[in-house]
mmCIF file of all heavy atoms, coordinates in Angstrom:
data_MODEL
# 
_entry.id   MODEL 
# 
loop_
_atom_site.group_PDB 
_atom_site.id 
_atom_site.type_symbol 
_atom_site.label_atom_id 
_atom_site.label_alt_id 
_atom_site.label_comp_id 
_atom_site.label_asym_id 
_atom_site.label_entity_id 
_atom_site.label_seq_id 
_atom_site.pdbx_PDB_ins_code 
_atom_site.Cartn_x 
_atom_site.Cartn_y 
_atom_site.Cartn_z 
_atom_site.occupancy 
_atom_site.B_iso_or_equiv 
_atom_site.pdbx_formal_charge 
_atom_site.auth_seq_id 
_atom_site.auth_comp_id 
_atom_site.auth_asym_id 
_atom_site.auth_atom_id 
_atom_site.pdbx_PDB_model_num 
ATOM 1   N N   . GLY A 1 1  ? 4.794   5.827   10.592  1.00 0.00 ? 1  GLY A N   1 
ATOM 2   C CA  . GLY A 1 1  ? 5.266   4.976   11.617  1.00 0.00 ? 1  GLY A CA  1 
ATOM 3   C C   . GLY A 1 1  ? 5.344   3.487   11.278  1.00 0.00 ? 1  GLY A C   1 
ATOM 4   O O   . GLY A 1 1  ? 5.850   2.696   12.020  1.00 0.00 ? 1  GLY A O   1 
ATOM 5   N N   . MET A 1 2  ? 4.772   3.141   10.102  1.00 0.00 ? 2  MET A N   1 
ATOM 6   C CA  . MET A 1 2  ? 4.849   1.732   9.714   1.00 0.00 ? 2  MET A CA  1 
ATOM 7   C C   . MET A 1 2  ? 6.261   1.384   9.348   1.00 0.00 ? 2  MET A C   1 
ATOM 8   O O   . MET A 1 2  ? 6.917   2.111   8.563   1.00 0.00 ? 2  MET A O   1 
ATOM 9   C CB  . MET A 1 2  ? 3.943   1.458   8.491   1.00 0.00 ? 2  MET A CB  1 
ATOM 10  C CG  . MET A 1 2  ? 2.429   1.520   8.763   1.00 0.00 ? 2  MET A CG  1 
ATOM 11  S SD  . MET A 1 2  ? 1.450   1.328   7.254   1.00 0.00 ? 2  MET A SD  1 
ATOM 12  C CE  . MET A 1 2  ? 1.320   -0.415  7.173   1.00 0.00 ? 2  MET A CE  1 
ATOM 13  N N   . PRO A 1 3  ? 6.824   0.247   9.841   1.00 0.00 ? 3  PRO A N   1 
ATOM 14  C CA  . PRO A 1 3  ? 8.153   -0.118  9.424   1.00 0.00 ? 3  PRO A CA  1 
ATOM 15  C C   . PRO A 1 3  ? 8.203   -0.602  7.960   1.00 0.00 ? 3  PRO A C   1 
ATOM 16  O O   . PRO A 1 3  ? 7.140   -0.966  7.422   1.00 0.00 ? 3  PRO A O   1 
ATOM 17  C CB  . PRO A 1 3  ? 8.518   -1.277  10.365  1.00 0.00 ? 3  PRO A CB  1 
ATOM 18  C CG  . PRO A 1 3  ? 7.230   -1.730  11.003  1.00 0.00 ? 3  PRO A CG  1 
ATOM 19  C CD  . PRO A 1 3  ? 6.250   -0.604  10.853  1.00 0.00 ? 3  PRO A CD  1 
ATOM 20  N N   . LEU A 1 4  ? 9.303   -0.464  7.329   1.00 0.00 ? 4  LEU A N   1 
ATOM 21  C CA  . LEU A 1 4  ? 9.430   -0.781  5.934   1.00 0.00 ? 4  LEU A CA  1 
ATOM 22  C C   . LEU A 1 4  ? 8.964   -2.203  5.540   1.00 0.00 ? 4  LEU A C   1 
ATOM 23  O O   . LEU A 1 4  ? 8.248   -2.346  4.585   1.00 0.00 ? 4  LEU A O   1 
ATOM 24  C CB  . LEU A 1 4  ? 10.896  -0.649  5.429   1.00 0.00 ? 4  LEU A CB  1 
ATOM 25  C CG  . LEU A 1 4  ? 11.379  0.790   5.173   1.00 0.00 ? 4  LEU A CG  1 
ATOM 26  C CD1 . LEU A 1 4  ? 12.806  0.742   4.713   1.00 0.00 ? 4  LEU A CD1 1 
ATOM 27  C CD2 . LEU A 1 4  ? 10.487  1.473   4.134   1.00 0.00 ? 4  LEU A CD2 1 
ATOM 28  N N   . TYR A 1 5  ? 9.267   -3.202  6.398   1.00 0.00 ? 5  TYR A N   1 
ATOM 29  C CA  . TYR A 1 5  ? 8.842   -4.540  6.089   1.00 0.00 ? 5  TYR A CA  1 
ATOM 30  C C   . TYR A 1 5  ? 7.301   -4.655  6.092   1.00 0.00 ? 5  TYR A C   1 
ATOM 31  O O   . TYR A 1 5  ? 6.715   -5.394  5.291   1.00 0.00 ? 5  TYR A O   1 
ATOM 32  C CB  . TYR A 1 5  ? 9.484   -5.600  6.997   1.00 0.00 ? 5  TYR A CB  1 
ATOM 33  C CG  . TYR A 1 5  ? 9.002   -5.531  8.419   1.00 0.00 ? 5  TYR A CG  1 
ATOM 34  C CD1 . TYR A 1 5  ? 7.828   -6.176  8.798   1.00 0.00 ? 5  TYR A CD1 1 
ATOM 35  C CD2 . TYR A 1 5  ? 9.682   -4.833  9.352   1.00 0.00 ? 5  TYR A CD2 1 
ATOM 36  C CE1 . TYR A 1 5  ? 7.370   -6.130  10.107  1.00 0.00 ? 5  TYR A CE1 1 
ATOM 37  C CE2 . TYR A 1 5  ? 9.187   -4.702  10.693  1.00 0.00 ? 5  TYR A CE2 1 
ATOM 38  C CZ  . TYR A 1 5  ? 8.097   -5.394  11.043  1.00 0.00 ? 5  TYR A CZ  1 
ATOM 39  O OH  . TYR A 1 5  ? 7.630   -5.313  12.348  1.00 0.00 ? 5  TYR A OH  1 
ATOM 40  N N   . GLN A 1 6  ? 6.668   -3.868  6.957   1.00 0.00 ? 6  GLN A N   1 
ATOM 41  C CA  . GLN A 1 6  ? 5.181   -3.904  6.993   1.00 0.00 ? 6  GLN A CA  1 
ATOM 42  C C   . GLN A 1 6  ? 4.632   -3.208  5.794   1.00 0.00 ? 6  GLN A C   1 
ATOM 43  O O   . GLN A 1 6  ? 3.615   -3.632  5.192   1.00 0.00 ? 6  GLN A O   1 
ATOM 44  C CB  . GLN A 1 6  ? 4.678   -3.238  8.333   1.00 0.00 ? 6  GLN A CB  1 
ATOM 45  C CG  . GLN A 1 6  ? 3.186   -3.388  8.456   1.00 0.00 ? 6  GLN A CG  1 
ATOM 46  C CD  . GLN A 1 6  ? 2.676   -2.725  9.746   1.00 0.00 ? 6  GLN A CD  1 
ATOM 47  O OE1 . GLN A 1 6  ? 3.418   -2.156  10.494  1.00 0.00 ? 6  GLN A OE1 1 
ATOM 48  N NE2 . GLN A 1 6  ? 1.410   -2.915  9.987   1.00 0.00 ? 6  GLN A NE2 1 
ATOM 49  N N   . ILE A 1 7  ? 5.254   -2.075  5.326   1.00 0.00 ? 7  ILE A N   1 
ATOM 50  C CA  . ILE A 1 7  ? 4.804   -1.403  4.135   1.00 0.00 ? 7  ILE A CA  1 
ATOM 51  C C   . ILE A 1 7  ? 4.954   -2.353  2.911   1.00 0.00 ? 7  ILE A C   1 
ATOM 52  O O   . ILE A 1 7  ? 4.049   -2.449  2.105   1.00 0.00 ? 7  ILE A O   1 
ATOM 53  C CB  . ILE A 1 7  ? 5.560   -0.100  3.915   1.00 0.00 ? 7  ILE A CB  1 
ATOM 54  C CG1 . ILE A 1 7  ? 5.257   0.877   5.032   1.00 0.00 ? 7  ILE A CG1 1 
ATOM 55  C CG2 . ILE A 1 7  ? 5.241   0.514   2.524   1.00 0.00 ? 7  ILE A CG2 1 
ATOM 56  C CD1 . ILE A 1 7  ? 6.165   2.146   5.009   1.00 0.00 ? 7  ILE A CD1 1 
ATOM 57  N N   . TYR A 1 8  ? 6.078   -3.058  2.887   1.00 0.00 ? 8  TYR A N   1 
ATOM 58  C CA  . TYR A 1 8  ? 6.262   -4.060  1.824   1.00 0.00 ? 8  TYR A CA  1 
ATOM 59  C C   . TYR A 1 8  ? 5.183   -5.069  1.794   1.00 0.00 ? 8  TYR A C   1 
ATOM 60  O O   . TYR A 1 8  ? 4.583   -5.348  0.781   1.00 0.00 ? 8  TYR A O   1 
ATOM 61  C CB  . TYR A 1 8  ? 7.682   -4.681  2.043   1.00 0.00 ? 8  TYR A CB  1 
ATOM 62  C CG  . TYR A 1 8  ? 7.880   -5.959  1.225   1.00 0.00 ? 8  TYR A CG  1 
ATOM 63  C CD1 . TYR A 1 8  ? 8.000   -5.914  -0.170  1.00 0.00 ? 8  TYR A CD1 1 
ATOM 64  C CD2 . TYR A 1 8  ? 7.955   -7.195  1.823   1.00 0.00 ? 8  TYR A CD2 1 
ATOM 65  C CE1 . TYR A 1 8  ? 8.143   -7.047  -0.936  1.00 0.00 ? 8  TYR A CE1 1 
ATOM 66  C CE2 . TYR A 1 8  ? 8.103   -8.349  1.067   1.00 0.00 ? 8  TYR A CE2 1 
ATOM 67  C CZ  . TYR A 1 8  ? 8.203   -8.262  -0.330  1.00 0.00 ? 8  TYR A CZ  1 
ATOM 68  O OH  . TYR A 1 8  ? 8.369   -9.388  -1.072  1.00 0.00 ? 8  TYR A OH  1 
ATOM 69  N N   . ASP A 1 9  ? 4.866   -5.655  2.947   1.00 0.00 ? 9  ASP A N   1 
ATOM 70  C CA  . ASP A 1 9  ? 3.824   -6.653  2.999   1.00 0.00 ? 9  ASP A CA  1 
ATOM 71  C C   . ASP A 1 9  ? 2.452   -6.040  2.599   1.00 0.00 ? 9  ASP A C   1 
ATOM 72  O O   . ASP A 1 9  ? 1.675   -6.658  1.947   1.00 0.00 ? 9  ASP A O   1 
ATOM 73  C CB  . ASP A 1 9  ? 3.691   -7.245  4.426   1.00 0.00 ? 9  ASP A CB  1 
ATOM 74  C CG  . ASP A 1 9  ? 4.779   -8.334  4.655   1.00 0.00 ? 9  ASP A CG  1 
ATOM 75  O OD1 . ASP A 1 9  ? 5.298   -8.935  3.649   1.00 0.00 ? 9  ASP A OD1 1 
ATOM 76  O OD2 . ASP A 1 9  ? 4.967   -8.721  5.829   1.00 0.00 ? 9  ASP A OD2 1 
ATOM 77  N N   . TYR A 1 10 ? 2.186   -4.823  3.038   1.00 0.00 ? 10 TYR A N   1 
ATOM 78  C CA  . TYR A 1 10 ? 0.958   -4.129  2.702   1.00 0.00 ? 10 TYR A CA  1 
ATOM 79  C C   . TYR A 1 10 ? 0.793   -4.037  1.173   1.00 0.00 ? 10 TYR A C   1 
ATOM 80  O O   . TYR A 1 10 ? -0.180  -4.304  0.632   1.00 0.00 ? 10 TYR A O   1 
ATOM 81  C CB  . TYR A 1 10 ? 0.941   -2.769  3.353   1.00 0.00 ? 10 TYR A CB  1 
ATOM 82  C CG  . TYR A 1 10 ? -0.259  -2.381  4.107   1.00 0.00 ? 10 TYR A CG  1 
ATOM 83  C CD1 . TYR A 1 10 ? -0.717  -3.143  5.143   1.00 0.00 ? 10 TYR A CD1 1 
ATOM 84  C CD2 . TYR A 1 10 ? -0.901  -1.186  3.786   1.00 0.00 ? 10 TYR A CD2 1 
ATOM 85  C CE1 . TYR A 1 10 ? -1.806  -2.761  5.844   1.00 0.00 ? 10 TYR A CE1 1 
ATOM 86  C CE2 . TYR A 1 10 ? -2.064  -0.807  4.475   1.00 0.00 ? 10 TYR A CE2 1 
ATOM 87  C CZ  . TYR A 1 10 ? -2.532  -1.634  5.540   1.00 0.00 ? 10 TYR A CZ  1 
ATOM 88  O OH  . TYR A 1 10 ? -3.619  -1.244  6.248   1.00 0.00 ? 10 TYR A OH  1 
ATOM 89  N N   . ILE A 1 11 ? 1.861   -3.521  0.534   1.00 0.00 ? 11 ILE A N   1 
ATOM 90  C CA  . ILE A 1 11 ? 1.854   -3.355  -0.913  1.00 0.00 ? 11 ILE A CA  1 
ATOM 91  C C   . ILE A 1 11 ? 1.655   -4.690  -1.626  1.00 0.00 ? 11 ILE A C   1 
ATOM 92  O O   . ILE A 1 11 ? 0.759   -4.849  -2.461  1.00 0.00 ? 11 ILE A O   1 
ATOM 93  C CB  . ILE A 1 11 ? 3.131   -2.669  -1.448  1.00 0.00 ? 11 ILE A CB  1 
ATOM 94  C CG1 . ILE A 1 11 ? 3.214   -1.252  -0.917  1.00 0.00 ? 11 ILE A CG1 1 
ATOM 95  C CG2 . ILE A 1 11 ? 3.142   -2.661  -2.964  1.00 0.00 ? 11 ILE A CG2 1 
ATOM 96  C CD1 . ILE A 1 11 ? 4.543   -0.570  -1.136  1.00 0.00 ? 11 ILE A CD1 1 
ATOM 97  N N   . ARG A 1 12 ? 2.406   -5.717  -1.266  1.00 0.00 ? 12 ARG A N   1 
ATOM 98  C CA  . ARG A 1 12 ? 2.386   -6.967  -2.009  1.00 0.00 ? 12 ARG A CA  1 
ATOM 99  C C   . ARG A 1 12 ? 1.099   -7.700  -1.750  1.00 0.00 ? 12 ARG A C   1 
ATOM 100 O O   . ARG A 1 12 ? 0.619   -8.424  -2.669  1.00 0.00 ? 12 ARG A O   1 
ATOM 101 C CB  . ARG A 1 12 ? 3.581   -7.794  -1.718  1.00 0.00 ? 12 ARG A CB  1 
ATOM 102 C CG  . ARG A 1 12 ? 3.655   -8.450  -0.335  1.00 0.00 ? 12 ARG A CG  1 
ATOM 103 C CD  . ARG A 1 12 ? 5.003   -9.174  -0.094  1.00 0.00 ? 12 ARG A CD  1 
ATOM 104 N NE  . ARG A 1 12 ? 4.915   -9.953  1.091   1.00 0.00 ? 12 ARG A NE  1 
ATOM 105 C CZ  . ARG A 1 12 ? 4.625   -11.231 1.140   1.00 0.00 ? 12 ARG A CZ  1 
ATOM 106 N NH1 . ARG A 1 12 ? 4.313   -11.877 0.046   1.00 0.00 ? 12 ARG A NH1 1 
ATOM 107 N NH2 . ARG A 1 12 ? 4.510   -11.881 2.287   1.00 0.00 ? 12 ARG A NH2 1 
ATOM 108 N N   . MET A 1 13 ? 0.469   -7.576  -0.584  1.00 0.00 ? 13 MET A N   1 
ATOM 109 C CA  . MET A 1 13 ? -0.729  -8.358  -0.286  1.00 0.00 ? 13 MET A CA  1 
ATOM 110 C C   . MET A 1 13 ? -1.900  -7.759  -1.014  1.00 0.00 ? 13 MET A C   1 
ATOM 111 O O   . MET A 1 13 ? -2.953  -8.393  -1.184  1.00 0.00 ? 13 MET A O   1 
ATOM 112 C CB  . MET A 1 13 ? -1.039  -8.442  1.190   1.00 0.00 ? 13 MET A CB  1 
ATOM 113 C CG  . MET A 1 13 ? -1.574  -7.203  1.801   1.00 0.00 ? 13 MET A CG  1 
ATOM 114 S SD  . MET A 1 13 ? -1.966  -7.529  3.528   1.00 0.00 ? 13 MET A SD  1 
ATOM 115 C CE  . MET A 1 13 ? -2.648  -5.974  3.981   1.00 0.00 ? 13 MET A CE  1 
ATOM 116 N N   . LEU A 1 14 ? -1.789  -6.532  -1.487  1.00 0.00 ? 14 LEU A N   1 
ATOM 117 C CA  . LEU A 1 14 ? -2.884  -5.797  -2.242  1.00 0.00 ? 14 LEU A CA  1 
ATOM 118 C C   . LEU A 1 14 ? -2.516  -5.749  -3.746  1.00 0.00 ? 14 LEU A C   1 
ATOM 119 O O   . LEU A 1 14 ? -3.330  -5.179  -4.454  1.00 0.00 ? 14 LEU A O   1 
ATOM 120 C CB  . LEU A 1 14 ? -3.116  -4.402  -1.686  1.00 0.00 ? 14 LEU A CB  1 
ATOM 121 C CG  . LEU A 1 14 ? -3.574  -4.433  -0.194  1.00 0.00 ? 14 LEU A CG  1 
ATOM 122 C CD1 . LEU A 1 14 ? -3.604  -2.991  0.300   1.00 0.00 ? 14 LEU A CD1 1 
ATOM 123 C CD2 . LEU A 1 14 ? -4.899  -5.086  -0.048  1.00 0.00 ? 14 LEU A CD2 1 
ATOM 124 N N   . ASP A 1 15 ? -1.447  -6.347  -4.124  1.00 0.00 ? 15 ASP A N   1 
ATOM 125 C CA  . ASP A 1 15 ? -0.995  -6.230  -5.553  1.00 0.00 ? 15 ASP A CA  1 
ATOM 126 C C   . ASP A 1 15 ? -1.533  -7.362  -6.409  1.00 0.00 ? 15 ASP A C   1 
ATOM 127 O O   . ASP A 1 15 ? -0.766  -8.277  -6.819  1.00 0.00 ? 15 ASP A O   1 
ATOM 128 C CB  . ASP A 1 15 ? 0.506   -6.173  -5.585  1.00 0.00 ? 15 ASP A CB  1 
ATOM 129 C CG  . ASP A 1 15 ? 1.101   -5.705  -6.950  1.00 0.00 ? 15 ASP A CG  1 
ATOM 130 O OD1 . ASP A 1 15 ? 0.251   -5.322  -7.757  1.00 0.00 ? 15 ASP A OD1 1 
ATOM 131 O OD2 . ASP A 1 15 ? 2.308   -5.741  -7.086  1.00 0.00 ? 15 ASP A OD2 1 
ATOM 132 N N   . ALA A 1 16 ? -2.876  -7.363  -6.585  1.00 0.00 ? 16 ALA A N   1 
ATOM 133 C CA  . ALA A 1 16 ? -3.507  -8.352  -7.421  1.00 0.00 ? 16 ALA A CA  1 
ATOM 134 C C   . ALA A 1 16 ? -4.825  -7.741  -8.022  1.00 0.00 ? 16 ALA A C   1 
ATOM 135 O O   . ALA A 1 16 ? -5.382  -6.862  -7.406  1.00 0.00 ? 16 ALA A O   1 
ATOM 136 C CB  . ALA A 1 16 ? -3.871  -9.606  -6.626  1.00 0.00 ? 16 ALA A CB  1 
ATOM 137 N N   . GLU A 1 17 ? -5.195  -8.245  -9.097  1.00 0.00 ? 17 GLU A N   1 
ATOM 138 C CA  . GLU A 1 17 ? -6.418  -7.827  -9.764  1.00 0.00 ? 17 GLU A CA  1 
ATOM 139 C C   . GLU A 1 17 ? -7.621  -7.941  -8.795  1.00 0.00 ? 17 GLU A C   1 
ATOM 140 O O   . GLU A 1 17 ? -7.747  -8.946  -8.114  1.00 0.00 ? 17 GLU A O   1 
ATOM 141 C CB  . GLU A 1 17 ? -6.684  -8.613  -11.036 1.00 0.00 ? 17 GLU A CB  1 
ATOM 142 C CG  . GLU A 1 17 ? -7.833  -8.117  -11.811 1.00 0.00 ? 17 GLU A CG  1 
ATOM 143 C CD  . GLU A 1 17 ? -8.064  -8.861  -13.130 1.00 0.00 ? 17 GLU A CD  1 
ATOM 144 O OE1 . GLU A 1 17 ? -7.056  -9.407  -13.650 1.00 0.00 ? 17 GLU A OE1 1 
ATOM 145 O OE2 . GLU A 1 17 ? -9.170  -8.944  -13.565 1.00 0.00 ? 17 GLU A OE2 1 
ATOM 146 N N   . GLY A 1 18 ? -8.437  -6.908  -8.704  1.00 0.00 ? 18 GLY A N   1 
ATOM 147 C CA  . GLY A 1 18 ? -9.580  -6.903  -7.926  1.00 0.00 ? 18 GLY A CA  1 
ATOM 148 C C   . GLY A 1 18 ? -9.402  -6.409  -6.502  1.00 0.00 ? 18 GLY A C   1 
ATOM 149 O O   . GLY A 1 18 ? -10.338 -6.248  -5.745  1.00 0.00 ? 18 GLY A O   1 
ATOM 150 N N   . TYR A 1 19 ? -8.127  -6.090  -6.152  1.00 0.00 ? 19 TYR A N   1 
ATOM 151 C CA  . TYR A 1 19 ? -7.897  -5.508  -4.814  1.00 0.00 ? 19 TYR A CA  1 
ATOM 152 C C   . TYR A 1 19 ? -7.493  -4.050  -4.994  1.00 0.00 ? 19 TYR A C   1 
ATOM 153 O O   . TYR A 1 19 ? -6.725  -3.703  -5.841  1.00 0.00 ? 19 TYR A O   1 
ATOM 154 C CB  . TYR A 1 19 ? -6.672  -6.279  -4.169  1.00 0.00 ? 19 TYR A CB  1 
ATOM 155 C CG  . TYR A 1 19 ? -6.926  -7.614  -3.642  1.00 0.00 ? 19 TYR A CG  1 
ATOM 156 C CD1 . TYR A 1 19 ? -7.072  -8.726  -4.472  1.00 0.00 ? 19 TYR A CD1 1 
ATOM 157 C CD2 . TYR A 1 19 ? -7.166  -7.786  -2.310  1.00 0.00 ? 19 TYR A CD2 1 
ATOM 158 C CE1 . TYR A 1 19 ? -7.354  -9.979  -4.003  1.00 0.00 ? 19 TYR A CE1 1 
ATOM 159 C CE2 . TYR A 1 19 ? -7.454  -9.048  -1.787  1.00 0.00 ? 19 TYR A CE2 1 
ATOM 160 C CZ  . TYR A 1 19 ? -7.530  -10.118 -2.634  1.00 0.00 ? 19 TYR A CZ  1 
ATOM 161 O OH  . TYR A 1 19 ? -7.890  -11.380 -2.165  1.00 0.00 ? 19 TYR A OH  1 
ATOM 162 N N   . PRO A 1 20 ? -8.060  -3.204  -4.079  1.00 0.00 ? 20 PRO A N   1 
ATOM 163 C CA  . PRO A 1 20 ? -7.640  -1.815  -4.115  1.00 0.00 ? 20 PRO A CA  1 
ATOM 164 C C   . PRO A 1 20 ? -6.198  -1.755  -3.663  1.00 0.00 ? 20 PRO A C   1 
ATOM 165 O O   . PRO A 1 20 ? -5.822  -2.409  -2.705  1.00 0.00 ? 20 PRO A O   1 
ATOM 166 C CB  . PRO A 1 20 ? -8.619  -1.085  -3.175  1.00 0.00 ? 20 PRO A CB  1 
ATOM 167 C CG  . PRO A 1 20 ? -9.261  -2.165  -2.337  1.00 0.00 ? 20 PRO A CG  1 
ATOM 168 C CD  . PRO A 1 20 ? -9.091  -3.473  -3.098  1.00 0.00 ? 20 PRO A CD  1 
ATOM 169 N N   . PRO A 1 21 ? -5.355  -0.923  -4.317  1.00 0.00 ? 21 PRO A N   1 
ATOM 170 C CA  . PRO A 1 21 ? -3.946  -0.901  -3.962  1.00 0.00 ? 21 PRO A CA  1 
ATOM 171 C C   . PRO A 1 21 ? -3.596  -0.234  -2.660  1.00 0.00 ? 21 PRO A C   1 
ATOM 172 O O   . PRO A 1 21 ? -4.397  0.572   -2.108  1.00 0.00 ? 21 PRO A O   1 
ATOM 173 C CB  . PRO A 1 21 ? -3.370  -0.102  -5.136  1.00 0.00 ? 21 PRO A CB  1 
ATOM 174 C CG  . PRO A 1 21 ? -4.459  0.788   -5.565  1.00 0.00 ? 21 PRO A CG  1 
ATOM 175 C CD  . PRO A 1 21 ? -5.754  -0.004  -5.361  1.00 0.00 ? 21 PRO A CD  1 
ATOM 176 N N   . ALA A 1 22 ? -2.417  -0.530  -2.106  1.00 0.00 ? 22 ALA A N   1 
ATOM 177 C CA  . ALA A 1 22 ? -1.846  0.204   -1.012  1.00 0.00 ? 22 ALA A CA  1 
ATOM 178 C C   . ALA A 1 22 ? -1.602  1.641   -1.492  1.00 0.00 ? 22 ALA A C   1 
ATOM 179 O O   . ALA A 1 22 ? -1.186  1.851   -2.623  1.00 0.00 ? 22 ALA A O   1 
ATOM 180 C CB  . ALA A 1 22 ? -0.623  -0.437  -0.485  1.00 0.00 ? 22 ALA A CB  1 
ATOM 181 N N   . TYR A 1 23 ? -1.855  2.614   -0.633  1.00 0.00 ? 23 TYR A N   1 
ATOM 182 C CA  . TYR A 1 23 ? -1.682  3.995   -1.109  1.00 0.00 ? 23 TYR A CA  1 
ATOM 183 C C   . TYR A 1 23 ? -1.283  4.927   0.047   1.00 0.00 ? 23 TYR A C   1 
ATOM 184 O O   . TYR A 1 23 ? -1.403  4.572   1.205   1.00 0.00 ? 23 TYR A O   1 
ATOM 185 C CB  . TYR A 1 23 ? -3.009  4.504   -1.731  1.00 0.00 ? 23 TYR A CB  1 
ATOM 186 C CG  . TYR A 1 23 ? -4.115  4.705   -0.702  1.00 0.00 ? 23 TYR A CG  1 
ATOM 187 C CD1 . TYR A 1 23 ? -4.288  5.963   -0.131  1.00 0.00 ? 23 TYR A CD1 1 
ATOM 188 C CD2 . TYR A 1 23 ? -4.925  3.647   -0.331  1.00 0.00 ? 23 TYR A CD2 1 
ATOM 189 C CE1 . TYR A 1 23 ? -5.279  6.129   0.874   1.00 0.00 ? 23 TYR A CE1 1 
ATOM 190 C CE2 . TYR A 1 23 ? -5.919  3.842   0.588   1.00 0.00 ? 23 TYR A CE2 1 
ATOM 191 C CZ  . TYR A 1 23 ? -6.082  5.097   1.227   1.00 0.00 ? 23 TYR A CZ  1 
ATOM 192 O OH  . TYR A 1 23 ? -7.063  5.279   2.144   1.00 0.00 ? 23 TYR A OH  1 
ATOM 193 N N   . ILE A 1 24 ? -0.854  6.113   -0.308  1.00 0.00 ? 24 ILE A N   1 
ATOM 194 C CA  . ILE A 1 24 ? -0.603  7.218   0.565   1.00 0.00 ? 24 ILE A CA  1 
ATOM 195 C C   . ILE A 1 24 ? -1.334  8.431   -0.019  1.00 0.00 ? 24 ILE A C   1 
ATOM 196 O O   . ILE A 1 24 ? -1.280  8.705   -1.215  1.00 0.00 ? 24 ILE A O   1 
ATOM 197 C CB  . ILE A 1 24 ? 0.936   7.572   0.668   1.00 0.00 ? 24 ILE A CB  1 
ATOM 198 C CG1 . ILE A 1 24 ? 1.719   6.400   1.302   1.00 0.00 ? 24 ILE A CG1 1 
ATOM 199 C CG2 . ILE A 1 24 ? 1.174   8.868   1.399   1.00 0.00 ? 24 ILE A CG2 1 
ATOM 200 C CD1 . ILE A 1 24 ? 3.201   6.602   1.327   1.00 0.00 ? 24 ILE A CD1 1 
ATOM 201 N N   . SER A 1 25 ? -2.040  9.130   0.861   1.00 0.00 ? 25 SER A N   1 
ATOM 202 C CA  . SER A 1 25 ? -2.668  10.389  0.457   1.00 0.00 ? 25 SER A CA  1 
ATOM 203 C C   . SER A 1 25 ? -1.636  11.441  0.435   1.00 0.00 ? 25 SER A C   1 
ATOM 204 O O   . SER A 1 25 ? -0.824  11.592  1.335   1.00 0.00 ? 25 SER A O   1 
ATOM 205 C CB  . SER A 1 25 ? -3.796  10.740  1.445   1.00 0.00 ? 25 SER A CB  1 
ATOM 206 O OG  . SER A 1 25 ? -4.868  9.927   1.306   1.00 0.00 ? 25 SER A OG  1 
ATOM 207 N N   . PHE A 1 26 ? -1.638  12.271  -0.633  1.00 0.00 ? 26 PHE A N   1 
ATOM 208 C CA  . PHE A 1 26 ? -0.617  13.283  -0.840  1.00 0.00 ? 26 PHE A CA  1 
ATOM 209 C C   . PHE A 1 26 ? -1.310  14.481  -1.492  1.00 0.00 ? 26 PHE A C   1 
ATOM 210 O O   . PHE A 1 26 ? -1.442  14.537  -2.675  1.00 0.00 ? 26 PHE A O   1 
ATOM 211 C CB  . PHE A 1 26 ? 0.529   12.785  -1.665  1.00 0.00 ? 26 PHE A CB  1 
ATOM 212 C CG  . PHE A 1 26 ? 1.699   13.794  -1.791  1.00 0.00 ? 26 PHE A CG  1 
ATOM 213 C CD1 . PHE A 1 26 ? 2.551   13.987  -0.759  1.00 0.00 ? 26 PHE A CD1 1 
ATOM 214 C CD2 . PHE A 1 26 ? 1.882   14.392  -3.030  1.00 0.00 ? 26 PHE A CD2 1 
ATOM 215 C CE1 . PHE A 1 26 ? 3.586   14.877  -0.905  1.00 0.00 ? 26 PHE A CE1 1 
ATOM 216 C CE2 . PHE A 1 26 ? 2.977   15.272  -3.189  1.00 0.00 ? 26 PHE A CE2 1 
ATOM 217 C CZ  . PHE A 1 26 ? 3.801   15.542  -2.140  1.00 0.00 ? 26 PHE A CZ  1 
ATOM 218 N N   . GLY A 1 27 ? -1.843  15.431  -0.635  1.00 0.00 ? 27 GLY A N   1 
ATOM 219 C CA  . GLY A 1 27 ? -2.569  16.564  -1.185  1.00 0.00 ? 27 GLY A CA  1 
ATOM 220 C C   . GLY A 1 27 ? -3.729  16.129  -1.997  1.00 0.00 ? 27 GLY A C   1 
ATOM 221 O O   . GLY A 1 27 ? -4.603  15.323  -1.577  1.00 0.00 ? 27 GLY A O   1 
ATOM 222 N N   . LYS A 1 28 ? -3.809  16.599  -3.251  1.00 0.00 ? 28 LYS A N   1 
ATOM 223 C CA  . LYS A 1 28 ? -4.949  16.248  -4.130  1.00 0.00 ? 28 LYS A CA  1 
ATOM 224 C C   . LYS A 1 28 ? -4.694  14.917  -4.850  1.00 0.00 ? 28 LYS A C   1 
ATOM 225 O O   . LYS A 1 28 ? -5.456  14.497  -5.669  1.00 0.00 ? 28 LYS A O   1 
ATOM 226 C CB  . LYS A 1 28 ? -5.258  17.370  -5.123  1.00 0.00 ? 28 LYS A CB  1 
ATOM 227 C CG  . LYS A 1 28 ? -4.219  17.584  -6.173  1.00 0.00 ? 28 LYS A CG  1 
ATOM 228 C CD  . LYS A 1 28 ? -4.708  18.698  -7.142  1.00 0.00 ? 28 LYS A CD  1 
ATOM 229 C CE  . LYS A 1 28 ? -3.823  18.751  -8.360  1.00 0.00 ? 28 LYS A CE  1 
ATOM 230 N NZ  . LYS A 1 28 ? -4.407  19.664  -9.341  1.00 0.00 ? 28 LYS A NZ  1 
ATOM 231 N N   . TYR A 1 29 ? -3.561  14.231  -4.476  1.00 0.00 ? 29 TYR A N   1 
ATOM 232 C CA  . TYR A 1 29 ? -3.277  12.990  -5.173  1.00 0.00 ? 29 TYR A CA  1 
ATOM 233 C C   . TYR A 1 29 ? -3.281  11.787  -4.200  1.00 0.00 ? 29 TYR A C   1 
ATOM 234 O O   . TYR A 1 29 ? -3.118  11.890  -2.994  1.00 0.00 ? 29 TYR A O   1 
ATOM 235 C CB  . TYR A 1 29 ? -1.889  13.026  -5.776  1.00 0.00 ? 29 TYR A CB  1 
ATOM 236 C CG  . TYR A 1 29 ? -1.744  14.049  -6.791  1.00 0.00 ? 29 TYR A CG  1 
ATOM 237 C CD1 . TYR A 1 29 ? -1.122  15.253  -6.516  1.00 0.00 ? 29 TYR A CD1 1 
ATOM 238 C CD2 . TYR A 1 29 ? -2.317  13.880  -8.105  1.00 0.00 ? 29 TYR A CD2 1 
ATOM 239 C CE1 . TYR A 1 29 ? -1.011  16.280  -7.470  1.00 0.00 ? 29 TYR A CE1 1 
ATOM 240 C CE2 . TYR A 1 29 ? -2.227  14.888  -9.044  1.00 0.00 ? 29 TYR A CE2 1 
ATOM 241 C CZ  . TYR A 1 29 ? -1.574  16.088  -8.701  1.00 0.00 ? 29 TYR A CZ  1 
ATOM 242 O OH  . TYR A 1 29 ? -1.444  17.080  -9.666  1.00 0.00 ? 29 TYR A OH  1 
# 
C-alpha cells in the first residue's frame, strides 16, 4: 500500500553506509 514516491524516499534515505537498507520480505529471502 505504500505509494511509489514513498518507496522511492524510503530506499534513498537508507542508501548510505551504516544504514540498514530498505527491504521486502519474500519467502526465505
